[in-house]
Amino acid sequence: MGPNALFSSILSMFFLATLASASTFLSDNIFNKSEVSHGRALIEDEPLKVCSIDFEKQNYTILTSKCKRPNYSPKMCCEAFKQFACPFAEYINEMSTDCAPAMFYYINLHGHYPQGLFANNCREGPEGLDCTLIKPVMISHSSIHHGKRTHKNH
């Protein structure tokens, strides 16, 4: 193997490792403008791009069946949150889109959760929530957003 091929192989491995690590955590930043604001429009320098995932059409049963009143067990709620959100980590970690706000809008619409439930209880470390043990789920074509969002910011 020549020096160019070796360099190319190392560069490819670095790129793949970066892609793999990019979606193994849910950044704590997803809670900053999303869950706490409950969808209120914030004045921003640049408007957020529309998310390519249609969170309106997702199945929220994993959350609503495990994260319930009256006690909202942090262990159960955070595990259910990770099971729901980790497959979308790549999208909701992208702070230039409205993916995180859209996801939290529909989570709260379906679960009627108290403000800050996930932001206050689901903290794991400096990189955010660890998704490495969550099985990846294929995102269906019907989940991809093709048009204007139907929810309204409050």
N, C-alpha and C. Protein backbone atom coordinates (compact mmCIF):
# COMPACT_ATOMS: atom_id res chain seq x y z
N MET A 1 0.85 -1.17 0.00
CA MET A 1 0.00 0.00 0.00
C MET A 1 0.90 1.23 0.00
N GLY A 2 0.68 2.13 -0.94
CA GLY A 2 1.47 3.34 -1.06
C GLY A 2 1.06 4.39 -0.03
N PRO A 3 1.85 5.45 0.08
CA PRO A 3 1.56 6.49 1.08
C PRO A 3 0.22 7.18 0.83
N ASN A 4 -0.15 7.37 -0.43
CA ASN A 4 -1.45 8.01 -0.71
C ASN A 4 -2.61 7.12 -0.32
N ALA A 5 -2.48 5.82 -0.58
CA ALA A 5 -3.54 4.88 -0.21
C ALA A 5 -3.66 4.78 1.30
N LEU A 6 -2.52 4.79 2.01
CA LEU A 6 -2.54 4.73 3.47
C LEU A 6 -3.20 5.97 4.04
N PHE A 7 -2.82 7.14 3.51
CA PHE A 7 -3.42 8.39 3.97
C PHE A 7 -4.92 8.40 3.71
N SER A 8 -5.32 7.93 2.54
CA SER A 8 -6.73 7.86 2.19
C SER A 8 -7.49 6.93 3.12
N SER A 9 -6.89 5.79 3.47
CA SER A 9 -7.52 4.84 4.38
C SER A 9 -7.68 5.44 5.77
N ILE A 10 -6.65 6.13 6.25
CA ILE A 10 -6.71 6.76 7.57
C ILE A 10 -7.77 7.85 7.58
N LEU A 11 -7.79 8.65 6.51
CA LEU A 11 -8.78 9.72 6.41
C LEU A 11 -10.19 9.15 6.38
N SER A 12 -10.40 8.07 5.65
CA SER A 12 -11.71 7.42 5.58
C SER A 12 -12.14 6.89 6.94
N MET A 13 -11.21 6.26 7.66
CA MET A 13 -11.52 5.73 9.00
C MET A 13 -11.88 6.87 9.94
N PHE A 14 -11.13 7.99 9.87
CA PHE A 14 -11.42 9.14 10.72
C PHE A 14 -12.81 9.68 10.42
N PHE A 15 -13.14 9.80 9.14
CA PHE A 15 -14.45 10.30 8.72
C PHE A 15 -15.57 9.40 9.22
N LEU A 16 -15.42 8.09 9.07
CA LEU A 16 -16.44 7.14 9.54
C LEU A 16 -16.58 7.19 11.05
N ALA A 17 -15.47 7.29 11.76
CA ALA A 17 -15.52 7.39 13.23
C ALA A 17 -16.23 8.66 13.65
N THR A 18 -15.99 9.75 12.93
CA THR A 18 -16.66 11.01 13.25
C THR A 18 -18.15 10.89 13.02
N LEU A 19 -18.56 10.28 11.90
CA LEU A 19 -19.99 10.09 11.63
C LEU A 19 -20.63 9.20 12.68
N ALA A 20 -19.95 8.12 13.05
CA ALA A 20 -20.50 7.20 14.04
C ALA A 20 -20.65 7.87 15.39
N SER A 21 -19.66 8.67 15.78
CA SER A 21 -19.73 9.31 17.10
C SER A 21 -20.71 10.46 17.12
N ALA A 22 -21.00 11.04 15.96
CA ALA A 22 -21.88 12.20 15.91
C ALA A 22 -23.29 11.85 16.35
N SER A 23 -23.72 10.63 16.12
CA SER A 23 -25.09 10.28 16.46
C SER A 23 -25.19 9.36 17.68
N THR A 24 -24.13 9.21 18.46
CA THR A 24 -24.20 8.34 19.62
C THR A 24 -24.59 9.08 20.89
N PHE A 25 -24.76 10.39 20.81
CA PHE A 25 -25.18 11.18 21.96
C PHE A 25 -26.26 12.15 21.55
N LEU A 26 -27.16 12.43 22.48
CA LEU A 26 -28.12 13.52 22.30
C LEU A 26 -27.57 14.69 23.10
N SER A 27 -27.21 15.74 22.44
CA SER A 27 -26.60 16.90 23.08
C SER A 27 -27.57 17.53 24.08
N ASP A 28 -27.01 18.01 25.19
CA ASP A 28 -27.83 18.73 26.16
C ASP A 28 -28.39 20.02 25.55
N ASN A 29 -27.79 20.50 24.46
CA ASN A 29 -28.27 21.72 23.80
C ASN A 29 -29.69 21.59 23.27
N ILE A 30 -30.14 20.35 23.04
CA ILE A 30 -31.50 20.19 22.50
C ILE A 30 -32.55 20.69 23.48
N PHE A 31 -32.22 20.76 24.76
CA PHE A 31 -33.18 21.21 25.76
C PHE A 31 -33.22 22.73 25.88
N ASN A 32 -32.18 23.41 25.44
CA ASN A 32 -32.06 24.85 25.67
C ASN A 32 -33.17 25.68 25.08
N LYS A 33 -33.49 25.51 23.81
CA LYS A 33 -34.50 26.35 23.15
C LYS A 33 -35.78 25.58 22.91
N SER A 34 -35.80 24.32 23.26
CA SER A 34 -36.94 23.50 22.87
C SER A 34 -37.92 23.31 24.00
N GLU A 35 -37.54 22.47 24.93
CA GLU A 35 -38.47 22.06 25.96
C GLU A 35 -38.81 23.20 26.90
N VAL A 36 -37.84 23.99 27.26
CA VAL A 36 -38.07 25.04 28.23
C VAL A 36 -38.97 26.13 27.67
N SER A 37 -38.84 26.43 26.39
CA SER A 37 -39.63 27.51 25.82
C SER A 37 -41.05 27.09 25.45
N HIS A 38 -41.32 25.79 25.41
CA HIS A 38 -42.63 25.26 25.02
C HIS A 38 -43.14 25.85 23.72
N GLY A 39 -42.25 25.98 22.75
CA GLY A 39 -42.66 26.36 21.42
C GLY A 39 -42.83 27.84 21.19
N ARG A 40 -42.60 28.68 22.18
CA ARG A 40 -42.71 30.11 21.95
C ARG A 40 -41.64 30.54 20.96
N ALA A 41 -41.97 31.42 20.09
CA ALA A 41 -41.00 31.91 19.12
C ALA A 41 -39.96 32.75 19.84
N LEU A 42 -38.71 32.45 19.61
CA LEU A 42 -37.62 33.21 20.19
C LEU A 42 -37.04 34.11 19.11
N ILE A 43 -36.61 35.30 19.50
CA ILE A 43 -35.99 36.19 18.54
C ILE A 43 -34.58 35.67 18.31
N GLU A 44 -34.28 35.38 17.08
CA GLU A 44 -33.00 34.78 16.71
C GLU A 44 -32.36 35.63 15.63
N ASP A 45 -31.04 35.52 15.51
CA ASP A 45 -30.36 36.18 14.42
C ASP A 45 -30.75 35.57 13.09
N GLU A 46 -30.80 34.24 13.04
CA GLU A 46 -31.15 33.55 11.80
C GLU A 46 -32.32 32.62 12.09
N PRO A 47 -33.30 32.58 11.20
CA PRO A 47 -34.41 31.64 11.42
C PRO A 47 -33.93 30.20 11.27
N LEU A 48 -34.59 29.31 11.99
CA LEU A 48 -34.24 27.90 11.91
C LEU A 48 -34.77 27.29 10.62
N LYS A 49 -34.00 26.36 10.06
CA LYS A 49 -34.44 25.64 8.88
C LYS A 49 -35.48 24.60 9.30
N VAL A 50 -36.42 24.31 8.42
CA VAL A 50 -37.45 23.31 8.69
C VAL A 50 -36.80 21.94 8.78
N CYS A 51 -37.16 21.20 9.79
CA CYS A 51 -36.62 19.86 10.02
C CYS A 51 -37.04 18.92 8.88
N SER A 52 -36.14 18.03 8.50
CA SER A 52 -36.47 17.08 7.44
C SER A 52 -37.22 15.86 7.97
N ILE A 53 -37.34 15.74 9.28
CA ILE A 53 -38.13 14.66 9.89
C ILE A 53 -39.49 15.21 10.25
N ASP A 54 -40.54 14.50 9.90
CA ASP A 54 -41.90 14.94 10.22
C ASP A 54 -42.28 14.33 11.58
N PHE A 55 -42.05 15.08 12.65
CA PHE A 55 -42.33 14.58 13.99
C PHE A 55 -43.82 14.42 14.26
N GLU A 56 -44.66 15.03 13.48
CA GLU A 56 -46.10 14.86 13.64
C GLU A 56 -46.51 13.41 13.41
N LYS A 57 -45.81 12.72 12.53
CA LYS A 57 -46.19 11.35 12.14
C LYS A 57 -45.46 10.26 12.92
N GLN A 58 -44.71 10.61 13.95
CA GLN A 58 -43.97 9.60 14.71
C GLN A 58 -44.89 8.90 15.71
N ASN A 59 -44.45 7.74 16.16
CA ASN A 59 -45.18 6.97 17.16
C ASN A 59 -44.62 7.31 18.55
N TYR A 60 -45.41 7.91 19.40
CA TYR A 60 -44.97 8.38 20.72
C TYR A 60 -45.31 7.39 21.83
N THR A 61 -45.79 6.20 21.46
CA THR A 61 -46.21 5.21 22.44
C THR A 61 -45.09 4.81 23.39
N ILE A 62 -43.84 4.72 22.92
CA ILE A 62 -42.73 4.34 23.78
C ILE A 62 -42.61 5.33 24.95
N LEU A 63 -42.90 6.58 24.70
CA LEU A 63 -42.86 7.59 25.77
C LEU A 63 -44.12 7.55 26.62
N THR A 64 -45.26 7.63 25.98
CA THR A 64 -46.51 7.76 26.72
C THR A 64 -46.87 6.50 27.50
N SER A 65 -46.35 5.35 27.10
CA SER A 65 -46.65 4.11 27.83
C SER A 65 -45.73 3.92 29.03
N LYS A 66 -44.56 4.53 29.01
CA LYS A 66 -43.60 4.33 30.11
C LYS A 66 -43.43 5.56 31.00
N CYS A 67 -43.60 6.73 30.45
CA CYS A 67 -43.41 7.96 31.22
C CYS A 67 -44.78 8.53 31.54
N LYS A 68 -45.29 8.15 32.74
CA LYS A 68 -46.68 8.48 33.10
C LYS A 68 -46.76 9.18 34.44
N ARG A 69 -47.91 9.87 34.63
CA ARG A 69 -48.22 10.43 35.94
C ARG A 69 -48.50 9.29 36.89
N PRO A 70 -48.50 9.49 38.12
CA PRO A 70 -48.30 10.75 38.82
C PRO A 70 -46.83 11.04 39.13
N ASN A 71 -45.97 10.02 39.12
CA ASN A 71 -44.61 10.26 39.61
C ASN A 71 -43.58 10.54 38.53
N TYR A 72 -43.85 10.29 37.26
CA TYR A 72 -42.90 10.51 36.18
C TYR A 72 -41.49 10.03 36.57
N SER A 73 -41.36 8.76 36.81
CA SER A 73 -40.09 8.17 37.22
C SER A 73 -38.96 8.63 36.29
N PRO A 74 -37.94 9.32 36.84
CA PRO A 74 -36.84 9.78 35.97
C PRO A 74 -36.18 8.64 35.21
N LYS A 75 -36.00 7.49 35.85
CA LYS A 75 -35.36 6.36 35.18
C LYS A 75 -36.21 5.90 33.99
N MET A 76 -37.49 5.70 34.21
CA MET A 76 -38.38 5.23 33.13
C MET A 76 -38.53 6.30 32.04
N CYS A 77 -38.73 7.55 32.45
CA CYS A 77 -38.96 8.63 31.48
C CYS A 77 -37.72 8.88 30.62
N CYS A 78 -36.56 8.88 31.25
CA CYS A 78 -35.33 9.16 30.49
C CYS A 78 -35.00 8.01 29.54
N GLU A 79 -35.21 6.79 29.99
CA GLU A 79 -34.97 5.65 29.11
C GLU A 79 -35.94 5.67 27.93
N ALA A 80 -37.20 5.96 28.19
CA ALA A 80 -38.19 6.04 27.12
C ALA A 80 -37.86 7.21 26.17
N PHE A 81 -37.44 8.33 26.74
CA PHE A 81 -37.06 9.47 25.92
C PHE A 81 -35.91 9.11 24.99
N LYS A 82 -34.91 8.44 25.52
CA LYS A 82 -33.76 8.03 24.70
C LYS A 82 -34.19 7.05 23.61
N GLN A 83 -35.06 6.10 23.96
CA GLN A 83 -35.52 5.14 22.96
C GLN A 83 -36.25 5.85 21.82
N PHE A 84 -37.00 6.88 22.16
CA PHE A 84 -37.70 7.62 21.12
C PHE A 84 -36.74 8.53 20.34
N ALA A 85 -35.93 9.32 21.05
CA ALA A 85 -35.16 10.39 20.42
C ALA A 85 -33.83 9.96 19.79
N CYS A 86 -33.17 8.95 20.34
CA CYS A 86 -31.84 8.58 19.84
C CYS A 86 -31.80 8.24 18.35
N PRO A 87 -32.81 7.57 17.80
CA PRO A 87 -32.74 7.32 16.35
C PRO A 87 -32.72 8.61 15.52
N PHE A 88 -33.14 9.72 16.11
CA PHE A 88 -33.17 11.00 15.42
C PHE A 88 -32.04 11.93 15.86
N ALA A 89 -31.06 11.40 16.60
CA ALA A 89 -30.00 12.23 17.19
C ALA A 89 -29.33 13.14 16.16
N GLU A 90 -29.04 12.61 15.01
CA GLU A 90 -28.37 13.40 13.97
C GLU A 90 -29.19 14.64 13.61
N TYR A 91 -30.50 14.50 13.60
CA TYR A 91 -31.38 15.60 13.21
C TYR A 91 -31.62 16.57 14.36
N ILE A 92 -31.92 16.05 15.55
CA ILE A 92 -32.27 16.95 16.66
C ILE A 92 -31.05 17.62 17.26
N ASN A 93 -29.86 17.08 17.05
CA ASN A 93 -28.63 17.75 17.52
C ASN A 93 -28.24 18.91 16.62
N GLU A 94 -28.83 19.01 15.45
CA GLU A 94 -28.51 20.08 14.51
C GLU A 94 -29.27 21.34 14.93
N MET A 95 -28.56 22.26 15.58
CA MET A 95 -29.19 23.43 16.17
C MET A 95 -29.63 24.48 15.14
N SER A 96 -29.26 24.31 13.87
CA SER A 96 -29.69 25.26 12.85
C SER A 96 -31.07 24.90 12.29
N THR A 97 -31.63 23.78 12.76
CA THR A 97 -32.97 23.37 12.32
C THR A 97 -33.95 23.46 13.47
N ASP A 98 -35.23 23.30 13.15
CA ASP A 98 -36.26 23.30 14.19
C ASP A 98 -36.62 21.87 14.61
N CYS A 99 -35.71 20.91 14.40
CA CYS A 99 -36.00 19.52 14.73
C CYS A 99 -36.26 19.33 16.24
N ALA A 100 -35.38 19.84 17.09
CA ALA A 100 -35.58 19.67 18.53
C ALA A 100 -36.87 20.36 18.99
N PRO A 101 -37.11 21.62 18.63
CA PRO A 101 -38.38 22.23 19.04
C PRO A 101 -39.60 21.48 18.52
N ALA A 102 -39.54 21.01 17.27
CA ALA A 102 -40.68 20.26 16.71
C ALA A 102 -40.89 18.96 17.48
N MET A 103 -39.80 18.25 17.76
CA MET A 103 -39.91 16.99 18.50
C MET A 103 -40.55 17.23 19.87
N PHE A 104 -40.06 18.23 20.60
CA PHE A 104 -40.62 18.49 21.94
C PHE A 104 -42.06 18.98 21.86
N TYR A 105 -42.41 19.71 20.84
CA TYR A 105 -43.79 20.14 20.66
C TYR A 105 -44.71 18.92 20.61
N TYR A 106 -44.35 17.94 19.78
CA TYR A 106 -45.20 16.75 19.63
C TYR A 106 -45.10 15.81 20.83
N ILE A 107 -43.95 15.74 21.47
CA ILE A 107 -43.85 14.94 22.71
C ILE A 107 -44.82 15.49 23.74
N ASN A 108 -44.82 16.81 23.91
CA ASN A 108 -45.71 17.42 24.90
C ASN A 108 -47.17 17.36 24.48
N LEU A 109 -47.43 17.43 23.19
CA LEU A 109 -48.80 17.31 22.69
C LEU A 109 -49.37 15.93 23.00
N HIS A 110 -48.56 14.90 22.83
CA HIS A 110 -49.02 13.53 23.06
C HIS A 110 -48.99 13.14 24.53
N GLY A 111 -48.02 13.64 25.29
CA GLY A 111 -47.85 13.19 26.67
C GLY A 111 -48.27 14.16 27.75
N HIS A 112 -48.53 15.41 27.39
CA HIS A 112 -48.93 16.44 28.36
C HIS A 112 -47.97 16.46 29.56
N TYR A 113 -46.68 16.50 29.25
CA TYR A 113 -45.66 16.44 30.30
C TYR A 113 -45.43 17.78 30.95
N PRO A 114 -45.04 17.77 32.23
CA PRO A 114 -44.73 19.04 32.90
C PRO A 114 -43.52 19.72 32.26
N GLN A 115 -43.53 21.03 32.29
CA GLN A 115 -42.43 21.81 31.71
C GLN A 115 -41.09 21.38 32.33
N GLY A 116 -40.10 21.14 31.48
CA GLY A 116 -38.76 20.81 31.94
C GLY A 116 -38.55 19.38 32.40
N LEU A 117 -39.54 18.52 32.25
CA LEU A 117 -39.42 17.13 32.73
C LEU A 117 -38.16 16.46 32.21
N PHE A 118 -37.95 16.46 30.92
CA PHE A 118 -36.80 15.77 30.34
C PHE A 118 -35.52 16.58 30.54
N ALA A 119 -35.59 17.89 30.39
CA ALA A 119 -34.40 18.74 30.56
C ALA A 119 -33.85 18.65 31.98
N ASN A 120 -34.72 18.59 32.96
CA ASN A 120 -34.27 18.58 34.35
C ASN A 120 -33.87 17.20 34.85
N ASN A 121 -34.42 16.15 34.28
CA ASN A 121 -34.17 14.80 34.79
C ASN A 121 -33.22 13.96 33.96
N CYS A 122 -33.05 14.28 32.70
CA CYS A 122 -32.29 13.42 31.80
C CYS A 122 -30.92 14.03 31.49
N ARG A 123 -30.02 13.90 32.43
CA ARG A 123 -28.64 14.39 32.27
C ARG A 123 -27.71 13.22 32.55
N GLU A 124 -26.77 12.98 31.63
CA GLU A 124 -25.86 11.85 31.82
C GLU A 124 -24.39 12.22 31.85
N GLY A 125 -23.99 13.23 31.17
CA GLY A 125 -22.58 13.54 31.13
C GLY A 125 -22.29 14.74 30.26
N PRO A 126 -21.01 15.04 30.10
CA PRO A 126 -20.63 16.24 29.36
C PRO A 126 -21.02 16.22 27.88
N GLU A 127 -21.20 15.05 27.31
CA GLU A 127 -21.57 14.97 25.90
C GLU A 127 -23.08 14.89 25.72
N GLY A 128 -23.84 14.76 26.78
CA GLY A 128 -25.28 14.66 26.69
C GLY A 128 -25.75 13.25 27.00
N LEU A 129 -26.88 12.86 26.44
CA LEU A 129 -27.45 11.54 26.68
C LEU A 129 -26.78 10.51 25.79
N ASP A 130 -26.35 9.42 26.39
CA ASP A 130 -25.62 8.38 25.67
C ASP A 130 -26.60 7.48 24.92
N CYS A 131 -26.46 7.45 23.61
CA CYS A 131 -27.34 6.63 22.76
C CYS A 131 -26.67 5.35 22.28
N THR A 132 -25.48 5.05 22.77
CA THR A 132 -24.74 3.91 22.22
C THR A 132 -25.44 2.58 22.44
N LEU A 133 -26.24 2.44 23.49
CA LEU A 133 -26.91 1.17 23.75
C LEU A 133 -28.32 1.10 23.17
N ILE A 134 -28.75 2.15 22.53
CA ILE A 134 -30.08 2.18 21.91
C ILE A 134 -29.96 1.61 20.50
N LYS A 135 -30.81 0.65 20.20
CA LYS A 135 -30.79 0.04 18.87
C LYS A 135 -31.21 1.06 17.83
N PRO A 136 -30.44 1.17 16.74
CA PRO A 136 -30.85 2.10 15.68
C PRO A 136 -32.14 1.63 15.02
N VAL A 137 -32.96 2.57 14.64
CA VAL A 137 -34.22 2.29 13.97
C VAL A 137 -34.15 2.95 12.61
N MET A 138 -34.59 2.23 11.61
CA MET A 138 -34.62 2.82 10.28
C MET A 138 -35.72 3.88 10.25
N ILE A 139 -35.40 5.05 9.75
CA ILE A 139 -36.38 6.12 9.64
C ILE A 139 -37.14 5.90 8.34
N SER A 140 -38.45 5.74 8.46
CA SER A 140 -39.25 5.44 7.27
C SER A 140 -39.37 6.66 6.37
N HIS A 141 -39.63 6.40 5.11
CA HIS A 141 -39.78 7.46 4.13
C HIS A 141 -40.93 8.40 4.51
N SER A 142 -41.97 7.86 5.15
CA SER A 142 -43.11 8.69 5.54
C SER A 142 -42.75 9.64 6.68
N SER A 143 -41.62 9.39 7.35
CA SER A 143 -41.17 10.28 8.41
C SER A 143 -40.48 11.52 7.89
N ILE A 144 -40.05 11.46 6.64
CA ILE A 144 -39.32 12.58 6.08
C ILE A 144 -40.33 13.68 5.73
N HIS A 145 -40.01 14.87 6.13
CA HIS A 145 -40.89 16.02 5.95
C HIS A 145 -40.82 16.52 4.52
N HIS A 146 -41.97 16.69 3.90
CA HIS A 146 -42.03 17.18 2.53
C HIS A 146 -43.03 18.32 2.43
N GLY A 147 -42.77 19.41 3.05
CA GLY A 147 -43.71 20.52 2.95
C GLY A 147 -43.67 21.36 4.20
N LYS A 148 -44.71 22.15 4.38
CA LYS A 148 -44.76 23.06 5.52
C LYS A 148 -45.18 22.32 6.78
N ARG A 149 -44.64 22.76 7.88
CA ARG A 149 -44.98 22.20 9.19
C ARG A 149 -46.39 22.60 9.55
N THR A 150 -47.11 21.70 10.21
CA THR A 150 -48.51 22.01 10.54
C THR A 150 -48.68 22.50 11.97
N HIS A 151 -47.69 22.32 12.85
CA HIS A 151 -47.87 22.83 14.20
C HIS A 151 -47.53 24.32 14.25
N LYS A 152 -48.08 24.99 15.24
CA LYS A 152 -47.85 26.41 15.38
C LYS A 152 -47.05 26.67 16.65
N ASN A 153 -46.15 27.64 16.59
CA ASN A 153 -45.42 28.05 17.79
C ASN A 153 -46.36 28.87 18.66
N HIS A 154 -46.22 28.69 19.95
CA HIS A 154 -47.09 29.43 20.90
C HIS A 154 -46.28 30.48 21.59
